[in-house]
């Protein structure tokens, strides 16, 4: 039997940073620059000392305005989030399938999804049918699959194509390394070129008479299996405490902004001692944790 054996990326540990190597990216803006550690690049928010101080201040001001039960749920979601398991959706034609994968990913506690070649109209329809999941996810949108996979490989992901013809069944994979599942078009599957760029292929075992699964169902089985295996090996969450605190502050901001409006939240923060607009650059795309990426794998389009 074929097995994938690699090293396990443990939860990142906070380290001492000099002023020169602290990320210059402000809180709630695009990911840290690529010269940082791999585990830093997977996490979408800055988490240096300044960002952590601001996150703690945001929590101190906004937490009393949120129901205790809701705040506890936001905290649990932030603590359980992982950016070590993700899906790459290559040219899906049905916006409902994209929405279903987003919803499944968020429900499983995953932090990101990568979408390739989605049309603007499809994005709007997917947003309407994903039950708001995209608001809590890092949805990266790419113009071509190869650029996406190159970026993921730089971030030390194992790239696996979902392919019913694969010799390695899902239940024989160990997933002791960050993994990205590439799922292709509903009818054509993953393109042949993309199959050459991945590290391997994986198939969902099917003992019935049907020959294929809906792509969103396949994604749920793949992502859920990888999550469960990593949880059992105690290497599921890739976030240190500082990153969890920053993410929790981000969720508080999103919750309050969606419930009360950005202007009201800015007013509350100003009364709490903030002298600069925390949400000033939180436009609709960033508010939904969604970004478009250009051909340069280190640059995000705003």
Protein backbone atom coordinates (compact mmCIF):
# COMPACT_ATOMS: atom_id res chain seq x y z
CA UNK A 1 0.00 0.00 0.00
CA UNK A 2 1.18 3.50 -0.72
CA UNK A 3 1.49 5.81 2.24
CA UNK A 4 2.47 9.40 2.56
CA UNK A 5 5.02 9.87 5.34
CA UNK A 6 6.34 13.30 6.15
CA UNK A 7 7.09 15.33 9.21
CA UNK A 8 4.40 16.83 11.42
CA UNK A 9 4.24 20.61 11.73
CA UNK A 10 3.67 21.27 15.41
CA UNK A 11 1.78 24.24 16.76
CA UNK A 12 3.93 27.30 16.23
CA UNK A 13 5.66 28.76 19.24
CA UNK A 14 5.97 32.50 19.85
CA UNK A 15 9.50 33.74 19.38
CA UNK A 16 11.44 36.88 20.19
CA UNK A 17 11.55 39.28 17.27
CA UNK A 18 13.71 42.32 16.79
CA UNK A 19 12.16 45.55 15.58
CA UNK A 20 13.65 44.97 12.15
CA UNK A 21 11.97 41.63 11.49
CA UNK A 22 8.52 42.41 12.87
CA UNK A 23 5.88 42.37 10.15
CA UNK A 24 5.03 45.83 8.90
CA UNK A 25 1.52 44.80 7.82
CA UNK A 26 -1.10 46.60 9.95
CA UNK A 27 -3.85 44.72 11.74
CA UNK A 28 -6.70 43.54 9.50
CA UNK A 29 -4.64 43.93 6.32
CA UNK A 30 -3.15 41.31 3.90
CA UNK A 31 -0.85 38.48 5.11
CA UNK A 32 2.68 39.04 6.48
CA UNK A 33 5.54 39.25 3.95
CA UNK A 34 6.95 35.98 2.57
CA UNK A 35 10.31 36.21 4.39
CA UNK A 36 8.56 35.12 7.58
CA UNK A 37 8.37 31.53 8.76
CA UNK A 38 6.05 29.18 6.87
CA UNK A 39 3.64 28.97 9.80
CA UNK A 40 3.40 32.78 9.81
CA UNK A 41 2.51 32.91 6.13
CA UNK A 42 -0.41 30.51 6.52
CA UNK A 43 -1.97 32.76 9.16
CA UNK A 44 -3.73 35.66 7.36
CA UNK A 45 -3.34 38.38 10.01
CA UNK A 46 -0.37 40.20 11.51
CA UNK A 47 0.36 39.03 15.06
CA UNK A 48 3.38 41.07 16.13
CA UNK A 49 3.42 42.91 19.46
CA UNK A 50 1.61 45.98 18.10
CA UNK A 51 -1.13 43.84 16.50
CA UNK A 52 -1.54 41.81 19.69
CA UNK A 53 -1.81 44.94 21.82
CA UNK A 54 -4.44 46.34 19.50
CA UNK A 55 -6.35 43.04 19.48
CA UNK A 56 -6.43 42.97 23.29
CA UNK A 57 -7.66 46.56 23.37
CA UNK A 58 -10.39 45.77 20.83
CA UNK A 59 -11.53 42.83 22.94
CA UNK A 60 -11.61 44.94 26.09
CA UNK A 61 -13.88 47.50 24.40
CA UNK A 62 -16.16 45.24 22.33
CA UNK A 63 -16.49 42.12 24.48
CA UNK A 64 -18.87 43.80 26.99
CA UNK A 65 -21.21 44.70 24.10
CA UNK A 66 -21.56 41.08 22.97
CA UNK A 67 -23.75 38.46 24.62
CA UNK A 68 -21.64 36.12 26.75
CA UNK A 69 -22.82 33.04 24.87
CA UNK A 70 -21.94 34.58 21.50
CA UNK A 71 -18.54 35.79 22.71
CA UNK A 72 -17.77 32.29 24.02
CA UNK A 73 -18.72 30.79 20.67
CA UNK A 74 -16.46 33.24 18.81
CA UNK A 75 -13.62 32.39 21.18
CA UNK A 76 -14.09 28.64 20.70
CA UNK A 77 -14.09 29.09 16.92
CA UNK A 78 -10.87 31.12 17.03
CA UNK A 79 -9.15 28.64 19.35
CA UNK A 80 -10.08 25.67 17.14
CA UNK A 81 -9.23 27.27 13.78
CA UNK A 82 -6.60 25.66 11.59
CA UNK A 83 -4.91 26.85 8.43
CA UNK A 84 -3.19 23.49 7.88
CA UNK A 85 -6.04 21.85 5.94
CA UNK A 86 -7.60 23.54 2.92
CA UNK A 87 -9.37 22.98 -0.38
CA UNK A 88 -8.46 24.25 -3.85
CA UNK A 89 -11.50 24.52 -6.15
CA UNK A 90 -10.40 24.48 -9.78
CA UNK A 91 -12.93 25.95 -12.19
CA UNK A 92 -16.15 24.67 -10.59
CA UNK A 93 -19.14 25.63 -12.74
CA UNK A 94 -21.89 25.43 -10.11
CA UNK A 95 -21.82 28.29 -7.57
CA UNK A 96 -23.85 26.10 -5.24
CA UNK A 97 -20.98 23.65 -5.03
CA UNK A 98 -18.53 26.43 -4.21
CA UNK A 99 -20.89 27.67 -1.51
CA UNK A 100 -21.27 24.17 -0.09
CA UNK A 101 -17.49 23.74 0.20
CA UNK A 102 -17.17 27.13 1.92
CA UNK A 103 -19.91 26.20 4.37
CA UNK A 104 -18.37 22.79 5.07
CA UNK A 105 -14.89 24.23 5.54
CA UNK A 106 -16.08 26.79 8.07
CA UNK A 107 -18.16 24.23 9.93
CA UNK A 108 -15.11 21.93 10.22
CA UNK A 109 -13.05 24.74 11.71
CA UNK A 110 -10.84 25.30 8.67
CA UNK A 111 -9.51 28.80 8.09
CA UNK A 112 -9.08 29.07 4.33
CA UNK A 113 -10.32 27.99 0.91
CA UNK A 114 -8.74 28.66 -2.50
CA UNK A 115 -11.00 29.32 -5.51
CA UNK A 116 -9.60 29.35 -9.06
CA UNK A 117 -11.31 30.98 -12.04
CA UNK A 118 -14.59 31.91 -10.35
CA UNK A 119 -16.68 34.44 -12.30
CA UNK A 120 -17.98 37.54 -10.52
CA UNK A 121 -21.61 36.44 -10.97
CA UNK A 122 -20.78 33.04 -9.54
CA UNK A 123 -19.14 34.65 -6.52
CA UNK A 124 -22.29 36.63 -5.72
CA UNK A 125 -24.52 33.57 -6.00
CA UNK A 126 -22.12 31.47 -3.93
CA UNK A 127 -22.05 34.19 -1.28
CA UNK A 128 -25.84 34.16 -1.05
CA UNK A 129 -26.03 30.40 -0.53
CA UNK A 130 -23.08 29.76 1.80
CA UNK A 131 -24.96 30.76 4.98
CA UNK A 132 -22.46 33.53 5.69
CA UNK A 133 -19.54 31.11 5.95
CA UNK A 134 -17.31 33.26 3.72
CA UNK A 135 -17.32 36.02 6.36
CA UNK A 136 -15.32 33.80 8.70
CA UNK A 137 -13.01 32.29 6.09
CA UNK A 138 -9.89 33.39 4.26
CA UNK A 139 -11.19 32.93 0.70
CA UNK A 140 -8.27 33.33 -1.73
CA UNK A 141 -9.25 33.79 -5.37
CA UNK A 142 -6.73 32.96 -8.08
CA UNK A 143 -6.53 33.51 -11.82
CA UNK A 144 -4.82 30.18 -12.52
CA UNK A 145 -4.26 26.96 -10.65
CA UNK A 146 -0.51 26.69 -11.07
CA UNK A 147 0.12 30.02 -9.32
CA UNK A 148 -2.11 28.89 -6.46
CA UNK A 149 -0.32 25.56 -6.10
CA UNK A 150 3.10 27.22 -6.23
CA UNK A 151 2.12 29.44 -3.33
CA UNK A 152 0.78 26.51 -1.33
CA UNK A 153 3.94 24.50 -2.00
CA UNK A 154 6.01 27.43 -0.74
CA UNK A 155 3.93 27.26 2.42
CA UNK A 156 4.86 23.56 2.77
CA UNK A 157 1.48 22.07 1.89
CA UNK A 158 1.18 18.53 0.59
CA UNK A 159 -0.83 18.90 -2.63
CA UNK A 160 -3.28 16.06 -3.29
CA UNK A 161 -5.63 15.88 -6.26
CA UNK A 162 -9.03 14.28 -5.72
CA UNK A 163 -9.18 11.61 -8.42
CA UNK A 164 -11.46 8.56 -8.48
CA UNK A 165 -8.73 6.71 -10.40
CA UNK A 166 -6.19 7.18 -7.61
CA UNK A 167 -4.49 4.10 -6.21
CA UNK A 168 -4.31 5.53 -2.68
CA UNK A 169 -7.63 5.52 -0.83
CA UNK A 170 -8.42 8.29 1.61
CA UNK A 171 -8.49 6.03 4.67
CA UNK A 172 -4.83 5.05 4.14
CA UNK A 173 -3.46 8.61 4.27
CA UNK A 174 -1.71 9.81 7.44
CA UNK A 175 -1.98 13.59 6.98
CA UNK A 176 0.90 14.41 9.32
CA UNK A 177 1.74 17.45 7.17
CA UNK A 178 -0.38 20.45 6.11
CA UNK A 179 -2.52 19.33 3.19
CA UNK A 180 -4.39 21.00 0.34
CA UNK A 181 -6.96 18.99 -1.64
CA UNK A 182 -7.41 20.01 -5.26
CA UNK A 183 -10.96 19.42 -6.53
CA UNK A 184 -11.76 19.90 -10.20
CA UNK A 185 -14.69 20.62 -12.45
CA UNK A 186 -17.91 18.73 -11.69
CA UNK A 187 -17.76 16.77 -14.96
CA UNK A 188 -14.15 16.90 -16.16
CA UNK A 189 -12.48 16.58 -12.77
CA UNK A 190 -8.98 17.89 -12.08
CA UNK A 191 -7.21 18.83 -15.32
CA UNK A 192 -4.32 16.70 -16.53
CA UNK A 193 -1.87 19.59 -16.20
CA UNK A 194 -2.82 20.11 -12.58
CA UNK A 195 -2.42 16.41 -11.86
CA UNK A 196 1.23 16.78 -12.90
CA UNK A 197 1.76 19.66 -10.47
CA UNK A 198 0.40 17.90 -7.39
CA UNK A 199 2.29 15.58 -5.06
CA UNK A 200 -0.17 12.73 -5.43
CA UNK A 201 -3.75 11.63 -5.91
CA UNK A 202 -6.30 10.44 -3.42
CA UNK A 203 -9.67 8.75 -3.83
CA UNK A 204 -12.68 8.37 -1.57
CA UNK A 205 -13.44 4.69 -1.14
CA UNK A 206 -16.83 3.79 -2.62
CA UNK A 207 -18.30 0.33 -2.13
CA UNK A 208 -21.63 1.02 -3.79
CA UNK A 209 -22.67 1.00 -7.41
CA UNK A 210 -22.39 4.70 -8.20
CA UNK A 211 -19.11 5.72 -9.81
CA UNK A 212 -18.70 9.27 -8.53
CA UNK A 213 -19.62 11.74 -5.81
CA UNK A 214 -20.80 15.32 -5.99
CA UNK A 215 -17.72 17.54 -5.68
CA UNK A 216 -19.00 19.22 -2.52
CA UNK A 217 -19.65 15.84 -0.91
CA UNK A 218 -16.18 14.65 -1.89
CA UNK A 219 -14.71 17.82 -0.38
CA UNK A 220 -16.57 17.23 2.88
CA UNK A 221 -15.24 13.66 3.13
CA UNK A 222 -11.66 14.65 2.27
CA UNK A 223 -11.49 17.68 4.55
CA UNK A 224 -13.28 15.93 7.39
CA UNK A 225 -10.97 12.93 7.25
CA UNK A 226 -7.84 15.09 7.25
CA UNK A 227 -9.19 17.13 10.15
CA UNK A 228 -10.01 14.05 12.22
CA UNK A 229 -6.63 12.41 11.59
CA UNK A 230 -4.76 15.57 12.53
CA UNK A 231 -6.88 16.03 15.65
CA UNK A 232 -6.14 12.46 16.72
CA UNK A 233 -2.41 13.15 16.26
CA UNK A 234 -2.68 16.38 18.31
CA UNK A 235 -1.42 18.52 15.45
CA UNK A 236 -4.70 19.97 14.21
CA UNK A 237 -4.56 23.60 15.33
CA UNK A 238 -1.61 25.47 13.87
CA UNK A 239 -2.16 28.61 15.93
CA UNK A 240 -0.19 29.77 18.95
CA UNK A 241 -2.01 31.71 21.67
CA UNK A 242 -1.07 35.11 20.23
CA UNK A 243 -2.58 34.20 16.87
CA UNK A 244 -5.74 32.89 18.53
CA UNK A 245 -6.13 36.16 20.42
CA UNK A 246 -5.73 38.24 17.25
CA UNK A 247 -8.21 36.03 15.39
CA UNK A 248 -10.71 36.31 18.24
CA UNK A 249 -10.48 40.12 18.06
CA UNK A 250 -11.05 39.88 14.30
CA UNK A 251 -14.17 37.80 14.87
CA UNK A 252 -15.46 40.26 17.46
CA UNK A 253 -15.01 43.10 14.98
CA UNK A 254 -16.80 41.19 12.23
CA UNK A 255 -19.66 40.19 14.51
CA UNK A 256 -20.18 43.70 15.84
CA UNK A 257 -19.82 45.34 12.41
CA UNK A 258 -22.38 42.99 10.86
CA UNK A 259 -24.79 43.44 13.75
CA UNK A 260 -24.48 47.17 14.45
CA UNK A 261 -22.79 48.60 11.36
CA UNK A 262 -19.23 49.79 10.88
CA UNK A 263 -19.93 53.39 11.89
CA UNK A 264 -21.42 52.31 15.21
CA UNK A 265 -18.47 50.05 15.93
CA UNK A 266 -16.01 52.84 15.10
CA UNK A 267 -17.91 55.11 17.49
CA UNK A 268 -17.75 52.51 20.27
CA UNK A 269 -14.03 52.03 19.71
CA UNK A 270 -13.40 55.77 19.69
CA UNK A 271 -15.17 56.14 23.02
CA UNK A 272 -13.00 53.29 24.25
CA UNK A 273 -9.81 55.21 23.49
CA UNK A 274 -9.02 54.34 19.85
CA UNK A 275 -7.79 57.43 18.03
CA UNK A 276 -7.52 55.84 14.57
CA UNK A 277 -10.28 54.16 12.54
CA UNK A 278 -9.90 50.41 13.14
CA UNK A 279 -12.38 49.57 10.37
CA UNK A 280 -11.44 52.37 7.97
CA UNK A 281 -9.75 50.02 5.48
CA UNK A 282 -12.04 47.11 6.15
CA UNK A 283 -13.80 47.27 2.76
CA UNK A 284 -16.32 44.68 1.62
CA UNK A 285 -13.74 42.27 0.21
CA UNK A 286 -11.59 42.34 3.34
CA UNK A 287 -14.66 42.28 5.57
CA UNK A 288 -15.57 38.94 4.00
CA UNK A 289 -11.98 37.70 4.42
CA UNK A 290 -11.86 37.38 0.63
CA UNK A 291 -8.92 38.33 -1.57
CA UNK A 292 -8.05 38.28 -5.24
CA UNK A 293 -4.49 37.26 -5.97
CA UNK A 294 -2.52 38.30 -9.05
CA UNK A 295 0.16 36.38 -10.92
CA UNK A 296 2.78 37.32 -8.34
CA UNK A 297 2.33 34.74 -5.61
CA UNK A 298 3.45 37.20 -2.93
CA UNK A 299 1.15 40.11 -3.87
CA UNK A 300 -2.54 40.50 -3.14
CA UNK A 301 -4.84 42.67 -5.23
CA UNK A 302 -6.80 45.15 -3.17
